[in-house]
Amino acid sequence: QVQLVESGGGLAQAGGSLRLSCAASGRSISSFTTGWFRQAPGKEREFVAGISGLGGRDYTDFVKDRFTISRDNAKNTVYLQMNSLKPEDTAVYFCATVRSLGIPTSKEAYNSWGQGTQVTVSS
């Protein structure tokens, strides 16, 4: 089992940037596919971006060209760089892991989750 802790959330203005971190302990995060999800009030938790153990990446359409997922194996951490933020990006952001060759986009596929970090974007 891997333990995950997100950080880096906060308040940003529209057009601004934030970088989220997902620090892993217990296992090497590069052994897993790591996904970032987000959940806005009253909405379902949705896939944002993912990175496989081999380094493949996937993004949902509404963050392509704005968000970038990356991993630092030495720090056992996955990052989500968020640029050109919009008010609709406001949500709690979660990272999660699963042992998979691919990058599942369904939250039910993931079995280890962090506690989440709040991102609020003001207009």
Protein backbone atom coordinates (compact mmCIF):
# COMPACT_ATOMS: atom_id res chain seq x y z
CA GLN A 1 0.00 0.00 0.00
CA VAL A 2 1.22 3.48 -0.77
CA GLN A 3 0.37 6.56 1.30
CA LEU A 4 -0.25 9.82 -0.56
CA VAL A 5 -0.22 13.42 0.64
CA GLU A 6 -1.24 16.31 -1.59
CA SER A 7 -0.07 19.87 -1.12
CA GLY A 8 0.20 23.10 -3.04
CA GLY A 9 -3.41 24.12 -3.23
CA GLY A 10 -4.61 27.59 -2.40
CA LEU A 11 -6.16 30.70 -3.84
CA ALA A 12 -5.23 31.94 -7.30
CA GLN A 13 -6.58 34.56 -9.64
CA ALA A 14 -7.95 33.64 -13.05
CA GLY A 15 -5.03 33.32 -15.43
CA GLY A 16 -2.66 32.43 -12.62
CA SER A 17 -0.78 29.26 -11.79
CA LEU A 18 -0.45 26.71 -9.03
CA ARG A 19 1.64 23.58 -8.70
CA LEU A 20 0.20 20.64 -6.78
CA SER A 21 2.38 17.94 -5.28
CA CYS A 22 1.52 14.35 -4.47
CA ALA A 23 4.15 12.92 -2.16
CA ALA A 24 4.21 9.15 -1.76
CA SER A 25 5.54 6.99 1.03
CA GLY A 26 5.62 3.29 1.60
CA ARG A 27 6.27 2.36 -2.01
CA SER A 28 7.93 3.85 -5.05
CA ILE A 29 5.38 5.97 -6.85
CA SER A 30 6.98 5.09 -10.18
CA SER A 31 5.66 1.54 -9.68
CA PHE A 32 2.12 2.86 -10.11
CA THR A 33 -0.03 4.83 -12.45
CA THR A 34 -0.84 8.09 -10.65
CA GLY A 35 -3.93 10.07 -11.43
CA TRP A 36 -5.08 13.53 -10.45
CA PHE A 37 -8.80 13.95 -9.91
CA ARG A 38 -10.91 16.86 -8.79
CA GLN A 39 -14.26 17.29 -7.15
CA ALA A 40 -16.26 20.50 -7.10
CA PRO A 41 -19.15 20.96 -4.65
CA GLY A 42 -22.16 18.97 -5.73
CA LYS A 43 -20.30 17.30 -8.58
CA GLU A 44 -18.78 13.91 -9.21
CA ARG A 45 -15.06 13.36 -8.77
CA GLU A 46 -13.54 13.58 -12.25
CA PHE A 47 -10.29 12.61 -13.90
CA VAL A 48 -7.90 15.46 -14.67
CA ALA A 49 -4.56 13.91 -15.64
CA GLY A 50 -2.54 10.76 -15.19
CA ILE A 51 0.98 9.45 -15.59
CA SER A 52 1.87 5.79 -15.97
CA GLY A 53 4.83 4.02 -14.45
CA LEU A 54 6.56 4.17 -17.83
CA GLY A 55 5.93 7.90 -18.09
CA GLY A 56 3.01 7.97 -20.45
CA ARG A 57 0.61 10.86 -19.87
CA ASP A 58 -3.06 11.50 -20.39
CA TYR A 59 -5.20 14.57 -19.85
CA THR A 60 -8.86 15.31 -19.92
CA ASP A 61 -9.86 17.70 -22.68
CA PHE A 62 -10.67 20.63 -20.45
CA VAL A 63 -7.11 20.88 -19.08
CA LYS A 64 -5.07 20.04 -22.17
CA ASP A 65 -2.54 22.77 -22.98
CA ARG A 66 -3.02 24.27 -19.51
CA PHE A 67 -2.02 21.54 -17.03
CA THR A 68 1.09 19.37 -17.04
CA ILE A 69 1.64 16.22 -15.00
CA SER A 70 5.17 15.15 -14.13
CA ARG A 71 7.03 12.91 -11.73
CA ASP A 72 10.28 13.18 -9.77
CA ASN A 73 11.31 9.63 -8.91
CA ALA A 74 14.08 10.80 -6.56
CA LYS A 75 11.51 12.74 -4.50
CA ASN A 76 8.84 10.05 -4.93
CA THR A 77 6.45 12.80 -5.93
CA VAL A 78 4.05 13.51 -8.78
CA TYR A 79 3.25 17.10 -9.68
CA LEU A 80 0.41 18.85 -11.44
CA GLN A 81 1.42 22.20 -12.88
CA MET A 82 -1.71 24.23 -13.50
CA ASN A 83 -1.46 27.32 -15.70
CA SER A 84 -4.08 29.68 -17.12
CA LEU A 85 -6.39 28.82 -14.27
CA LYS A 86 -10.10 29.44 -14.63
CA PRO A 87 -12.79 29.85 -11.97
CA GLU A 88 -14.26 26.53 -13.13
CA ASP A 89 -11.03 24.83 -12.02
CA THR A 90 -12.09 25.46 -8.42
CA ALA A 91 -12.32 22.11 -6.67
CA VAL A 92 -10.65 19.78 -4.21
CA TYR A 93 -7.85 18.02 -6.05
CA PHE A 94 -6.91 14.46 -5.18
CA CYS A 95 -4.10 12.19 -6.30
CA ALA A 96 -4.55 8.46 -6.46
CA THR A 97 -2.58 5.41 -7.54
CA VAL A 98 -3.24 2.06 -9.13
CA ARG A 99 -1.07 -0.74 -10.44
CA SER A 100 -1.84 -0.56 -14.12
CA LEU A 101 0.01 -0.52 -17.43
CA GLY A 102 -2.37 2.12 -18.70
CA ILE A 103 -3.96 5.26 -17.27
CA PRO A 104 -7.50 4.56 -16.12
CA THR A 105 -9.79 7.57 -16.09
CA SER A 106 -12.40 6.02 -13.81
CA LYS A 107 -12.04 6.85 -10.13
CA GLU A 108 -13.23 3.34 -9.25
CA ALA A 109 -10.05 1.91 -10.75
CA TYR A 110 -7.79 3.60 -8.20
CA ASN A 111 -7.25 2.10 -4.77
CA SER A 112 -5.02 4.53 -2.86
CA TRP A 113 -6.04 8.13 -2.37
CA GLY A 114 -4.69 11.21 -0.69
CA GLN A 115 -6.77 13.52 1.46
CA GLY A 116 -7.09 16.24 -1.17
CA THR A 117 -6.03 19.86 -1.45
CA GLN A 118 -8.36 22.79 -2.12
CA VAL A 119 -7.85 24.95 -5.19
CA THR A 120 -9.88 28.13 -5.46
CA VAL A 121 -9.67 30.36 -8.52
CA SER A 122 -11.16 33.83 -8.32
CA SER A 123 -12.41 35.76 -11.33
